[in-house]
C-alpha atoms as a PDB file:
ATOM      1  CA  UNK A   1      23.204   1.132  17.984  1.00  0.00           C
ATOM      2  CA  UNK A   2      22.627   2.567  21.469  1.00  0.00           C
ATOM      3  CA  UNK A   3      19.408   2.268  23.445  1.00  0.00           C
ATOM      4  CA  UNK A   4      18.488   5.914  22.802  1.00  0.00           C
ATOM      5  CA  UNK A   5      18.558   5.348  19.038  1.00  0.00           C
ATOM      6  CA  UNK A   6      16.648   2.084  19.345  1.00  0.00           C
ATOM      7  CA  UNK A   7      13.997   3.682  21.523  1.00  0.00           C
ATOM      8  CA  UNK A   8      13.463   6.526  19.064  1.00  0.00           C
ATOM      9  CA  UNK A   9      12.875   4.346  16.032  1.00  0.00           C
ATOM     10  CA  UNK A  10      16.235   4.100  14.277  1.00  0.00           C
ATOM     11  CA  UNK A  11      15.591   0.513  13.238  1.00  0.00           C
ATOM     12  CA  UNK A  12      12.020   1.278  12.114  1.00  0.00           C
ATOM     13  CA  UNK A  13      12.789   4.363  10.019  1.00  0.00           C
ATOM     14  CA  UNK A  14      14.710   3.409   6.871  1.00  0.00           C
ATOM     15  CA  UNK A  15      16.023   6.533   5.095  1.00  0.00           C
ATOM     16  CA  UNK A  16      16.306   6.532   1.314  1.00  0.00           C
ATOM     17  CA  UNK A  17      19.228   4.357   0.204  1.00  0.00           C
ATOM     18  CA  UNK A  18      19.537   2.471   3.481  1.00  0.00           C
ATOM     19  CA  UNK A  19      17.294  -0.471   2.568  1.00  0.00           C
ATOM     20  CA  UNK A  20      18.454  -1.151  -0.974  1.00  0.00           C
ATOM     21  CA  UNK A  21      19.861  -4.460  -2.155  1.00  0.00           C
ATOM     22  CA  UNK A  22      20.815  -5.726  -5.591  1.00  0.00           C
ATOM     23  CA  UNK A  23      18.420  -4.373  -8.224  1.00  0.00           C
ATOM     24  CA  UNK A  24      16.085  -2.919  -5.596  1.00  0.00           C
ATOM     25  CA  UNK A  25      16.228   0.653  -4.263  1.00  0.00           C
ATOM     26  CA  UNK A  26      14.144  -0.677  -1.350  1.00  0.00           C
ATOM     27  CA  UNK A  27      14.111  -4.324  -0.305  1.00  0.00           C
ATOM     28  CA  UNK A  28      12.102  -5.063   2.835  1.00  0.00           C
ATOM     29  CA  UNK A  29      11.301  -8.710   3.536  1.00  0.00           C
ATOM     30  CA  UNK A  30      10.007 -10.416   6.697  1.00  0.00           C
ATOM     31  CA  UNK A  31      13.476 -11.450   7.840  1.00  0.00           C
ATOM     32  CA  UNK A  32      14.838  -7.927   7.476  1.00  0.00           C
ATOM     33  CA  UNK A  33      11.771  -6.385   9.163  1.00  0.00           C
ATOM     34  CA  UNK A  34      11.679  -8.944  11.982  1.00  0.00           C
ATOM     35  CA  UNK A  35       8.136 -10.083  11.335  1.00  0.00           C
ATOM     36  CA  UNK A  36       6.235 -12.816   9.462  1.00  0.00           C
ATOM     37  CA  UNK A  37       4.497 -11.659   6.261  1.00  0.00           C
ATOM     38  CA  UNK A  38       4.754  -8.144   4.762  1.00  0.00           C
ATOM     39  CA  UNK A  39       7.277  -7.226   2.037  1.00  0.00           C
ATOM     40  CA  UNK A  40       8.044  -4.256  -0.198  1.00  0.00           C
ATOM     41  CA  UNK A  41      10.544  -3.869  -3.006  1.00  0.00           C
ATOM     42  CA  UNK A  42      11.098  -0.853  -5.238  1.00  0.00           C
ATOM     43  CA  UNK A  43      12.540  -1.903  -8.585  1.00  0.00           C
ATOM     44  CA  UNK A  44      14.337   0.626 -10.800  1.00  0.00           C
ATOM     45  CA  UNK A  45      14.684  -0.353 -14.469  1.00  0.00           C
ATOM     46  CA  UNK A  46      16.723   1.461 -17.099  1.00  0.00           C
ATOM     47  CA  UNK A  47      15.191   1.765 -20.599  1.00  0.00           C
ATOM     48  CA  UNK A  48      15.013  -1.742 -22.019  1.00  0.00           C
ATOM     49  CA  UNK A  49      15.557  -3.228 -18.551  1.00  0.00           C
ATOM     50  CA  UNK A  50      14.266  -6.669 -17.599  1.00  0.00           C
ATOM     51  CA  UNK A  51      13.952  -8.218 -14.138  1.00  0.00           C
ATOM     52  CA  UNK A  52      12.864 -11.688 -13.021  1.00  0.00           C
ATOM     53  CA  UNK A  53      10.751 -12.003  -9.880  1.00  0.00           C
ATOM     54  CA  UNK A  54      10.573 -15.452  -8.265  1.00  0.00           C
ATOM     55  CA  UNK A  55       7.522 -15.207  -6.019  1.00  0.00           C
ATOM     56  CA  UNK A  56       8.231 -18.138  -3.673  1.00  0.00           C
ATOM     57  CA  UNK A  57       5.793 -18.255  -0.730  1.00  0.00           C
ATOM     58  CA  UNK A  58       4.530 -14.722  -1.389  1.00  0.00           C
ATOM     59  CA  UNK A  59       1.827 -13.130  -3.506  1.00  0.00           C
ATOM     60  CA  UNK A  60       2.889  -9.869  -5.177  1.00  0.00           C
ATOM     61  CA  UNK A  61       1.385  -6.809  -6.819  1.00  0.00           C
ATOM     62  CA  UNK A  62       3.473  -4.957  -9.408  1.00  0.00           C
ATOM     63  CA  UNK A  63       2.499  -1.273  -9.184  1.00  0.00           C
ATOM     64  CA  UNK A  64       4.148   1.347 -11.427  1.00  0.00           C
ATOM     65  CA  UNK A  65       5.372   4.413  -9.537  1.00  0.00           C
ATOM     66  CA  UNK A  66       6.790   6.029 -12.673  1.00  0.00           C
ATOM     67  CA  UNK A  67       6.635   4.627 -16.192  1.00  0.00           C
ATOM     68  CA  UNK A  68       5.036   1.471 -17.517  1.00  0.00           C
ATOM     69  CA  UNK A  69       6.069  -2.142 -17.988  1.00  0.00           C
ATOM     70  CA  UNK A  70       5.058  -5.565 -19.229  1.00  0.00           C
ATOM     71  CA  UNK A  71       4.614  -8.377 -16.715  1.00  0.00           C
ATOM     72  CA  UNK A  72       4.949 -11.944 -18.007  1.00  0.00           C
ATOM     73  CA  UNK A  73       3.892 -14.720 -15.617  1.00  0.00           C
ATOM     74  CA  UNK A  74       3.890 -18.463 -16.243  1.00  0.00           C
ATOM     75  CA  UNK A  75       0.606 -18.239 -18.126  1.00  0.00           C
ATOM     76  CA  UNK A  76      -0.311 -14.574 -18.619  1.00  0.00           C
ATOM     77  CA  UNK A  77       1.054 -11.327 -20.007  1.00  0.00           C
ATOM     78  CA  UNK A  78      -0.113  -7.946 -18.679  1.00  0.00           C
ATOM     79  CA  UNK A  79       0.802  -4.593 -20.183  1.00  0.00           C
ATOM     80  CA  UNK A  80       0.851  -1.910 -17.481  1.00  0.00           C
ATOM     81  CA  UNK A  81       0.375   1.547 -18.953  1.00  0.00           C
ATOM     82  CA  UNK A  82       1.601   3.062 -15.668  1.00  0.00           C
ATOM     83  CA  UNK A  83       1.852   6.796 -15.068  1.00  0.00           C
ATOM     84  CA  UNK A  84       4.214   9.743 -15.138  1.00  0.00           C
ATOM     85  CA  UNK A  85       4.455   9.789 -11.331  1.00  0.00           C
ATOM     86  CA  UNK A  86       2.449   8.916  -8.224  1.00  0.00           C
ATOM     87  CA  UNK A  87       1.301  12.557  -8.192  1.00  0.00           C
ATOM     88  CA  UNK A  88      -0.120  12.497 -11.736  1.00  0.00           C
ATOM     89  CA  UNK A  89      -2.713   9.733 -11.733  1.00  0.00           C
ATOM     90  CA  UNK A  90      -3.968   6.310 -10.697  1.00  0.00           C
ATOM     91  CA  UNK A  91      -2.017   3.380 -12.148  1.00  0.00           C
ATOM     92  CA  UNK A  92      -3.021  -0.019 -13.388  1.00  0.00           C
ATOM     93  CA  UNK A  93      -1.262  -2.993 -11.756  1.00  0.00           C
ATOM     94  CA  UNK A  94      -0.684  -6.734 -11.965  1.00  0.00           C
ATOM     95  CA  UNK A  95      -1.209  -9.455  -9.361  1.00  0.00           C
ATOM     96  CA  UNK A  96       1.337 -12.299  -9.445  1.00  0.00           C
ATOM     97  CA  UNK A  97       0.609 -15.408  -7.329  1.00  0.00           C
ATOM     98  CA  UNK A  98       2.899 -17.395  -5.082  1.00  0.00           C
ATOM     99  CA  UNK A  99       4.914 -20.270  -6.591  1.00  0.00           C
ATOM    100  CA  UNK A 100       5.329 -18.413  -9.872  1.00  0.00           C
ATOM    101  CA  UNK A 101       8.012 -16.681 -11.867  1.00  0.00           C
ATOM    102  CA  UNK A 102       7.401 -13.267 -13.435  1.00  0.00           C
ATOM    103  CA  UNK A 103       9.447 -11.221 -15.874  1.00  0.00           C
ATOM    104  CA  UNK A 104       9.101  -7.439 -15.593  1.00  0.00           C
ATOM    105  CA  UNK A 105      10.279  -5.519 -18.670  1.00  0.00           C
ATOM    106  CA  UNK A 106      10.174  -1.794 -19.392  1.00  0.00           C
ATOM    107  CA  UNK A 107      11.003  -0.295 -22.777  1.00  0.00           C
ATOM    108  CA  UNK A 108      11.215   3.284 -21.502  1.00  0.00           C
ATOM    109  CA  UNK A 109      12.367   2.438 -17.968  1.00  0.00           C
ATOM    110  CA  UNK A 110      10.725   3.332 -14.702  1.00  0.00           C
ATOM    111  CA  UNK A 111      10.264   2.620 -11.004  1.00  0.00           C
ATOM    112  CA  UNK A 112       7.954  -0.128  -9.828  1.00  0.00           C
ATOM    113  CA  UNK A 113       6.719  -1.033  -6.359  1.00  0.00           C
ATOM    114  CA  UNK A 114       6.458  -4.753  -5.635  1.00  0.00           C
ATOM    115  CA  UNK A 115       4.101  -5.147  -2.685  1.00  0.00           C
ATOM    116  CA  UNK A 116       4.158  -8.650  -1.235  1.00  0.00           C
ATOM    117  CA  UNK A 117       2.842 -10.879   1.502  1.00  0.00           C
ATOM    118  CA  UNK A 118       3.588 -14.435   2.555  1.00  0.00           C
ATOM    119  CA  UNK A 119       0.397 -16.373   1.902  1.00  0.00           C
ATOM    120  CA  UNK A 120      -1.183 -19.817   1.754  1.00  0.00           C
ATOM    121  CA  UNK A 121      -3.579 -19.777  -1.211  1.00  0.00           C
ATOM    122  CA  UNK A 122      -2.406 -19.600  -4.809  1.00  0.00           C
ATOM    123  CA  UNK A 123      -4.820 -17.295  -6.635  1.00  0.00           C
ATOM    124  CA  UNK A 124      -4.704 -16.686 -10.402  1.00  0.00           C
ATOM    125  CA  UNK A 125      -2.615 -13.919 -11.929  1.00  0.00           C
ATOM    126  CA  UNK A 126      -4.761 -10.889 -12.759  1.00  0.00           C
ATOM    127  CA  UNK A 127      -4.702  -7.410 -14.229  1.00  0.00           C
ATOM    128  CA  UNK A 128      -6.045  -4.421 -12.254  1.00  0.00           C
ATOM    129  CA  UNK A 129      -7.257  -1.639 -14.582  1.00  0.00           C
ATOM    130  CA  UNK A 130      -6.720   1.939 -13.402  1.00  0.00           C
ATOM    131  CA  UNK A 131     -10.351   2.939 -14.136  1.00  0.00           C
ATOM    132  CA  UNK A 132     -11.562   0.339 -11.639  1.00  0.00           C
ATOM    133  CA  UNK A 133      -9.445   1.617  -8.715  1.00  0.00           C
ATOM    134  CA  UNK A 134     -11.796   3.259  -6.166  1.00  0.00           C
ATOM    135  CA  UNK A 135     -10.544   6.760  -5.291  1.00  0.00           C
ATOM    136  CA  UNK A 136     -11.759   7.824  -1.853  1.00  0.00           C
ATOM    137  CA  UNK A 137     -11.559  11.125   0.055  1.00  0.00           C
ATOM    138  CA  UNK A 138     -11.148  10.771   3.825  1.00  0.00           C
ATOM    139  CA  UNK A 139     -11.381  13.375   6.522  1.00  0.00           C
ATOM    140  CA  UNK A 140     -12.189  17.072   6.083  1.00  0.00           C
ATOM    141  CA  UNK A 141     -10.415  20.399   6.557  1.00  0.00           C
ATOM    142  CA  UNK A 142      -6.705  19.997   7.223  1.00  0.00           C
ATOM    143  CA  UNK A 143      -7.243  16.265   7.841  1.00  0.00           C
ATOM    144  CA  UNK A 144      -8.358  15.763   4.204  1.00  0.00           C
ATOM    145  CA  UNK A 145      -6.494  13.192   2.105  1.00  0.00           C
ATOM    146  CA  UNK A 146      -7.019  11.014  -0.953  1.00  0.00           C
ATOM    147  CA  UNK A 147      -6.824   7.215  -0.868  1.00  0.00           C
ATOM    148  CA  UNK A 148      -6.378   5.058  -3.970  1.00  0.00           C
ATOM    149  CA  UNK A 149      -7.823   1.727  -2.812  1.00  0.00           C
ATOM    150  CA  UNK A 150      -6.236  -0.441  -5.498  1.00  0.00           C
ATOM    151  CA  UNK A 151      -5.820  -3.500  -3.251  1.00  0.00           C
ATOM    152  CA  UNK A 152      -7.830  -2.671  -0.154  1.00  0.00           C
ATOM    153  CA  UNK A 153      -9.337  -5.613   1.710  1.00  0.00           C
ATOM    154  CA  UNK A 154     -12.738  -5.151   0.064  1.00  0.00           C
ATOM    155  CA  UNK A 155     -11.752  -4.010  -3.430  1.00  0.00           C
ATOM    156  CA  UNK A 156      -9.312  -6.572  -4.868  1.00  0.00           C
ATOM    157  CA  UNK A 157      -8.991 -10.249  -4.006  1.00  0.00           C
ATOM    158  CA  UNK A 158      -5.713 -11.379  -2.440  1.00  0.00           C
ATOM    159  CA  UNK A 159      -4.984 -14.067   0.111  1.00  0.00           C
ATOM    160  CA  UNK A 160      -3.171 -11.904   2.690  1.00  0.00           C
ATOM    161  CA  UNK A 161      -1.941  -8.736   1.009  1.00  0.00           C
ATOM    162  CA  UNK A 162      -3.609  -5.346   1.596  1.00  0.00           C
ATOM    163  CA  UNK A 163      -2.204  -2.255  -0.129  1.00  0.00           C
ATOM    164  CA  UNK A 164      -3.396   1.320  -0.743  1.00  0.00           C
ATOM    165  CA  UNK A 165      -1.922   4.677  -1.757  1.00  0.00           C
ATOM    166  CA  UNK A 166      -2.499   7.883   0.227  1.00  0.00           C
ATOM    167  CA  UNK A 167      -1.919  11.444  -1.029  1.00  0.00           C
ATOM    168  CA  UNK A 168      -1.941  14.302   1.464  1.00  0.00           C
ATOM    169  CA  UNK A 169      -2.030  17.934   0.229  1.00  0.00           C
ATOM    170  CA  UNK A 170       0.641  20.299   1.545  1.00  0.00           C
ATOM    171  CA  UNK A 171       0.144  21.266   5.188  1.00  0.00           C
ATOM    172  CA  UNK A 172      -2.443  18.551   5.918  1.00  0.00           C
ATOM    173  CA  UNK A 173      -2.295  15.647   8.350  1.00  0.00           C
ATOM    174  CA  UNK A 174      -3.185  12.083   7.360  1.00  0.00           C
ATOM    175  CA  UNK A 175      -3.108   8.767   9.204  1.00  0.00           C
ATOM    176  CA  UNK A 176      -4.988  10.806  11.778  1.00  0.00           C
ATOM    177  CA  UNK A 177      -6.340  10.257  14.350  1.00  0.00           C
ATOM    178  CA  UNK A 178      -3.503   7.917  15.370  1.00  0.00           C
ATOM    179  CA  UNK A 179      -4.678   4.334  15.171  1.00  0.00           C
ATOM    180  CA  UNK A 180      -3.365   0.829  15.660  1.00  0.00           C
ATOM    181  CA  UNK A 181      -3.880  -2.726  14.436  1.00  0.00           C
ATOM    182  CA  UNK A 182      -1.453  -4.804  16.485  1.00  0.00           C
ATOM    183  CA  UNK A 183      -3.719  -7.237  18.331  1.00  0.00           C
ATOM    184  CA  UNK A 184      -6.656  -9.479  17.528  1.00  0.00           C
ATOM    185  CA  UNK A 185      -9.930  -8.215  19.000  1.00  0.00           C
ATOM    186  CA  UNK A 186     -12.841  -9.857  17.141  1.00  0.00           C
ATOM    187  CA  UNK A 187     -14.957  -7.307  15.317  1.00  0.00           C
ATOM    188  CA  UNK A 188     -12.821  -4.376  16.495  1.00  0.00           C
ATOM    189  CA  UNK A 189      -9.166  -4.765  15.594  1.00  0.00           C
ATOM    190  CA  UNK A 190      -6.995  -7.114  13.580  1.00  0.00           C
ATOM    191  CA  UNK A 191      -3.266  -7.763  13.668  1.00  0.00           C
ATOM    192  CA  UNK A 192      -1.405  -6.365  10.654  1.00  0.00           C
ATOM    193  CA  UNK A 193       2.273  -5.655   9.964  1.00  0.00           C
ATOM    194  CA  UNK A 194       2.541  -2.431   7.975  1.00  0.00           C
ATOM    195  CA  UNK A 195       5.089  -0.690   5.760  1.00  0.00           C
ATOM    196  CA  UNK A 196       4.865   2.998   4.821  1.00  0.00           C
ATOM    197  CA  UNK A 197       6.829   4.020   1.715  1.00  0.00           C
ATOM    198  CA  UNK A 198       7.059   7.803   1.148  1.00  0.00           C
ATOM    199  CA  UNK A 199       7.536  10.250  -1.701  1.00  0.00           C
ATOM    200  CA  UNK A 200       7.328  14.058  -1.504  1.00  0.00           C
ATOM    201  CA  UNK A 201       6.326  16.001  -4.609  1.00  0.00           C
ATOM    202  CA  UNK A 202       9.139  18.304  -5.624  1.00  0.00           C
ATOM    203  CA  UNK A 203      11.366  17.147  -2.769  1.00  0.00           C
ATOM    204  CA  UNK A 204      11.383  18.251   0.832  1.00  0.00           C
ATOM    205  CA  UNK A 205      10.512  16.591   4.107  1.00  0.00           C
ATOM    206  CA  UNK A 206       7.378  15.411   5.826  1.00  0.00           C
ATOM    207  CA  UNK A 207       6.991  13.930   9.294  1.00  0.00           C
ATOM    208  CA  UNK A 208       5.674  10.621  10.562  1.00  0.00           C
ATOM    209  CA  UNK A 209       4.916   9.506  14.102  1.00  0.00           C
ATOM    210  CA  UNK A 210       4.492   6.082  15.687  1.00  0.00           C
ATOM    211  CA  UNK A 211       3.936   5.987  19.460  1.00  0.00           C
ATOM    212  CA  UNK A 212       4.015   2.898  21.696  1.00  0.00           C
ATOM    213  CA  UNK A 213       0.798   1.022  22.374  1.00  0.00           C
ATOM    214  CA  UNK A 214       2.540  -1.244  24.875  1.00  0.00           C
ATOM    215  CA  UNK A 215       5.578  -1.232  27.131  1.00  0.00           C
ATOM    216  CA  UNK A 216       8.719  -1.139  24.977  1.00  0.00           C
ATOM    217  CA  UNK A 217       6.684  -0.786  21.771  1.00  0.00           C
ATOM    218  CA  UNK A 218       7.580   0.984  18.525  1.00  0.00           C
ATOM    219  CA  UNK A 219       8.486   4.665  18.995  1.00  0.00           C
ATOM    220  CA  UNK A 220       9.246   6.739  15.875  1.00  0.00           C
ATOM    221  CA  UNK A 221       9.352  10.457  15.159  1.00  0.00           C
ATOM    222  CA  UNK A 222      10.940  10.760  11.738  1.00  0.00           C
ATOM    223  CA  UNK A 223      11.577  13.303   9.036  1.00  0.00           C
ATOM    224  CA  UNK A 224      10.614  11.428   5.873  1.00  0.00           C
ATOM    225  CA  UNK A 225      11.484  12.190   2.274  1.00  0.00           C
ATOM    226  CA  UNK A 226      11.208  10.474  -1.089  1.00  0.00           C
ATOM    227  CA  UNK A 227      12.417   6.877  -0.881  1.00  0.00           C
ATOM    228  CA  UNK A 228      12.100   6.585   2.912  1.00  0.00           C
ATOM    229  CA  UNK A 229      10.183   3.755   4.564  1.00  0.00           C
ATOM    230  CA  UNK A 230       8.831   3.208   8.072  1.00  0.00           C
ATOM    231  CA  UNK A 231       8.155  -0.246   9.542  1.00  0.00           C
ATOM    232  CA  UNK A 232       5.195  -0.582  11.898  1.00  0.00           C
ATOM    233  CA  UNK A 233       5.042  -3.944  13.682  1.00  0.00           C
ATOM    234  CA  UNK A 234       2.925  -2.383  16.451  1.00  0.00           C
ATOM    235  CA  UNK A 235       1.964   0.972  17.920  1.00  0.00           C
ATOM    236  CA  UNK A 236      -0.303   3.955  17.360  1.00  0.00           C
ATOM    237  CA  UNK A 237       0.687   5.353  13.962  1.00  0.00           C
ATOM    238  CA  UNK A 238      -0.027   8.859  12.760  1.00  0.00           C
ATOM    239  CA  UNK A 239       0.005  11.602  11.976  1.00  0.00           C
ATOM    240  CA  UNK A 240       1.788  11.718   8.639  1.00  0.00           C
ATOM    241  CA  UNK A 241       2.359  15.427   8.020  1.00  0.00           C
ATOM    242  CA  UNK A 242       2.790  16.954   4.554  1.00  0.00           C
ATOM    243  CA  UNK A 243       5.109  19.989   4.288  1.00  0.00           C
ATOM    244  CA  UNK A 244       3.443  23.231   3.160  1.00  0.00           C
ATOM    245  CA  UNK A 245       3.378  23.502  -0.622  1.00  0.00           C
ATOM    246  CA  UNK A 246       4.301  19.845  -1.182  1.00  0.00           C
ATOM    247  CA  UNK A 247       2.002  16.837  -1.591  1.00  0.00           C
ATOM    248  CA  UNK A 248       3.014  13.836   0.534  1.00  0.00           C
ATOM    249  CA  UNK A 249       2.531  10.357  -0.940  1.00  0.00           C
ATOM    250  CA  UNK A 250       2.775   7.048   0.832  1.00  0.00           C
ATOM    251  CA  UNK A 251       2.172   3.457  -0.156  1.00  0.00           C
ATOM    252  CA  UNK A 252       0.820   1.251   2.643  1.00  0.00           C
ATOM    253  CA  UNK A 253       1.568  -2.483   2.489  1.00  0.00           C
ATOM    254  CA  UNK A 254      -0.024  -4.735   5.111  1.00  0.00           C
ATOM    255  CA  UNK A 255      -0.533  -8.393   5.951  1.00  0.00           C
ATOM    256  CA  UNK A 256      -1.375 -10.351   9.050  1.00  0.00           C
ATOM    257  CA  UNK A 257      -1.981 -13.805  10.508  1.00  0.00           C
ATOM    258  CA  UNK A 258      -5.764 -13.590  10.953  1.00  0.00           C
ATOM    259  CA  UNK A 259      -8.180 -15.958   9.265  1.00  0.00           C
ATOM    260  CA  UNK A 260     -10.037 -12.971   7.824  1.00  0.00           C
ATOM    261  CA  UNK A 261      -8.309 -10.563   5.438  1.00  0.00           C
ATOM    262  CA  UNK A 262      -9.579  -7.332   6.962  1.00  0.00           C
ATOM    263  CA  UNK A 263      -8.462  -3.870   8.011  1.00  0.00           C
ATOM    264  CA  UNK A 264      -9.957  -3.254  11.453  1.00  0.00           C
ATOM    265  CA  UNK A 265      -8.355  -0.449  13.456  1.00  0.00           C
ATOM    266  CA  UNK A 266      -8.694   1.194  16.839  1.00  0.00           C
ATOM    267  CA  UNK A 267      -8.289   4.960  17.298  1.00  0.00           C
ATOM    268  CA  UNK A 268      -6.042   6.377  20.002  1.00  0.00           C
ATOM    269  CA  UNK A 269      -8.417   7.233  22.869  1.00  0.00           C
ATOM    270  CA  UNK A 270      -6.913  10.719  23.278  1.00  0.00           C
ATOM    271  CA  UNK A 271      -7.388  11.725  19.645  1.00  0.00           C
ATOM    272  CA  UNK A 272     -10.417   9.924  18.213  1.00  0.00           C
ATOM    273  CA  UNK A 273     -12.658  12.903  19.037  1.00  0.00           C
ATOM    274  CA  UNK A 274     -11.333  14.688  15.924  1.00  0.00           C
ATOM    275  CA  UNK A 275     -13.677  12.594  13.786  1.00  0.00           C
ATOM    276  CA  UNK A 276     -16.683  14.341  15.356  1.00  0.00           C
ATOM    277  CA  UNK A 277     -15.483  17.676  13.974  1.00  0.00           C
ATOM    278  CA  UNK A 278     -15.262  16.482  10.373  1.00  0.00           C
ATOM    279  CA  UNK A 279     -18.991  16.745   9.689  1.00  0.00           C
ATOM    280  CA  UNK A 280     -18.789  20.517  10.197  1.00  0.00           C
ATOM    281  CA  UNK A 281     -15.940  21.154   7.737  1.00  0.00           C
ATOM    282  CA  UNK A 282     -15.663  20.799   3.967  1.00  0.00           C
ATOM    283  CA  UNK A 283     -13.162  18.500   2.281  1.00  0.00           C
ATOM    284  CA  UNK A 284     -10.011  20.326   1.205  1.00  0.00           C
ATOM    285  CA  UNK A 285     -10.812  22.006  -2.131  1.00  0.00           C
ATOM    286  CA  UNK A 286      -7.514  20.729  -3.586  1.00  0.00           C
ATOM    287  CA  UNK A 287      -8.932  17.208  -3.555  1.00  0.00           C
ATOM    288  CA  UNK A 288      -9.185  15.022  -5.445  1.00  0.00           C
ATOM    289  CA  UNK A 289      -5.702  15.608  -6.822  1.00  0.00           C
ATOM    290  CA  UNK A 290      -6.793  13.327  -9.653  1.00  0.00           C
ATOM    291  CA  UNK A 291      -9.380  10.625 -10.256  1.00  0.00           C
ATOM    292  CA  UNK A 292      -9.373   7.265 -11.968  1.00  0.00           C
ATOM    293  CA  UNK A 293     -10.283   7.828 -15.603  1.00  0.00           C
ATOM    294  CA  UNK A 294     -13.352   5.752 -16.388  1.00  0.00           C
ATOM    295  CA  UNK A 295     -12.635   5.221 -20.062  1.00  0.00           C
ATOM    296  CA  UNK A 296     -12.708   1.979 -22.057  1.00  0.00           C
ATOM    297  CA  UNK A 297      -9.573  -0.031 -21.357  1.00  0.00           C
ATOM    298  CA  UNK A 298      -7.742  -2.072 -23.948  1.00  0.00           C
ATOM    299  CA  UNK A 299      -7.378  -4.652 -21.169  1.00  0.00           C
ATOM    300  CA  UNK A 300     -11.143  -5.136 -20.717  1.00  0.00           C
ATOM    301  CA  UNK A 301     -11.207  -8.528 -22.433  1.00  0.00           C
ATOM    302  CA  UNK A 302      -8.026  -9.570 -20.630  1.00  0.00           C
ATOM    303  CA  UNK A 303      -9.518  -8.557 -17.271  1.00  0.00           C
ATOM    304  CA  UNK A 304     -12.751 -10.431 -18.062  1.00  0.00           C
ATOM    305  CA  UNK A 305     -10.707 -13.561 -18.796  1.00  0.00           C
ATOM    306  CA  UNK A 306      -8.860 -13.151 -15.480  1.00  0.00           C
ATOM    307  CA  UNK A 307     -12.152 -12.728 -13.598  1.00  0.00           C
ATOM    308  CA  UNK A 308     -13.524 -15.888 -15.238  1.00  0.00           C
ATOM    309  CA  UNK A 309     -10.310 -17.692 -14.242  1.00  0.00           C
ATOM    310  CA  UNK A 310     -10.792 -16.551 -10.649  1.00  0.00           C
ATOM    311  CA  UNK A 311     -14.438 -17.667 -10.689  1.00  0.00           C
ATOM    312  CA  UNK A 312     -13.382 -21.118 -11.939  1.00  0.00           C
ATOM    313  CA  UNK A 313     -10.750 -21.304  -9.195  1.00  0.00           C
ATOM    314  CA  UNK A 314     -13.363 -20.550  -6.529  1.00  0.00           C
ATOM    315  CA  UNK A 315     -15.751 -23.129  -7.951  1.00  0.00           C
ATOM    316  CA  UNK A 316     -12.999 -25.760  -7.896  1.00  0.00           C
ATOM    317  CA  UNK A 317     -11.795 -24.729  -4.420  1.00  0.00           C
ATOM    318  CA  UNK A 318     -14.839 -23.469  -2.485  1.00  0.00           C
ATOM    319  CA  UNK A 319     -13.084 -23.905   0.848  1.00  0.00           C
ATOM    320  CA  UNK A 320     -10.602 -21.174  -0.056  1.00  0.00           C
ATOM    321  CA  UNK A 321     -13.012 -18.726  -1.660  1.00  0.00           C
ATOM    322  CA  UNK A 322     -13.670 -15.336  -0.133  1.00  0.00           C
ATOM    323  CA  UNK A 323     -16.292 -12.920  -1.461  1.00  0.00           C
ATOM    324  CA  UNK A 324     -15.281  -9.801  -3.382  1.00  0.00           C
ATOM    325  CA  UNK A 325     -16.780  -6.369  -2.877  1.00  0.00           C
ATOM    326  CA  UNK A 326     -16.476  -4.082  -5.853  1.00  0.00           C
ATOM    327  CA  UNK A 327     -16.065  -0.834  -3.916  1.00  0.00           C
ATOM    328  CA  UNK A 328     -15.192   0.176  -0.356  1.00  0.00           C
ATOM    329  CA  UNK A 329     -17.707   1.736   1.964  1.00  0.00           C
ATOM    330  CA  UNK A 330     -15.957   4.796   3.444  1.00  0.00           C
ATOM    331  CA  UNK A 331     -16.710   5.297   7.104  1.00  0.00           C
ATOM    332  CA  UNK A 332     -15.276   6.415  10.420  1.00  0.00           C
ATOM    333  CA  UNK A 333     -13.644   3.044  11.112  1.00  0.00           C
ATOM    334  CA  UNK A 334     -10.922   3.614   8.497  1.00  0.00           C
ATOM    335  CA  UNK A 335      -8.010   5.994   8.820  1.00  0.00           C
ATOM    336  CA  UNK A 336      -4.984   5.998   6.478  1.00  0.00           C
END
């Protein structure tokens, strides 16, 4: 690879099919990415397919992209109803702790994202019901987008892992203004390694930009389509641009070394002014594309048991406990 390719992000943009390994259509681990914590795998199962996940030093979330599955851990079984596609609805999910072994089985087949992070604490396995996923609208006008905060820092308890889904209507910009989280500045910015995984409704191409925040830093201007990923170890990232007539989806997976599991970002000084214009524009009328359906879940009792298990864990290990917040508080400090 020549220096021109390196400088323009060839090793940070992973086109569809270029990062697959074994049973995974995408297999990004810390060694492959050249960092310490964040991982993403996309598992494709044929009807009746079964896969074993050995979690090792990482915590994982199993998130259906298409279809549903059953997740068996050492002590729990979770049925994930899933969804037709990432463009059709919010999905339920399962959290699988480090030092465990999980079997993922799908009668009808499907595609499943495994979002992971190297961690220290071993939390209990849990089920995340779709109706409890906070769906947030960010920005206004042609900066409007939808965020499914299924494992945001203040919505679902993990040790290190942070993960959300973003849907951007055709022609809109998201991850804007460009922002970064590549250094530790108490109360202002935290250090997080981030993976973007893209899908485009109906095919086609979107665009994603990462510009350097330091000398020799990450520099990416990429056409992105379904199955592509972009690695962001550092740099100002955004915008992500949806093609006209096509919704752009991306899954964000993040983790960092900080003591606090938080998502603190800093806007690019040349572009942060755009936030001041949002109060004068309405949110794109196409949003929300869908909402979490707040209907009784057959997993309610199972989720209650998992919550009680987590409460017992915190009582037994108060030094590792971190408070939960049921819902995020949308504000100008978050981008996505």
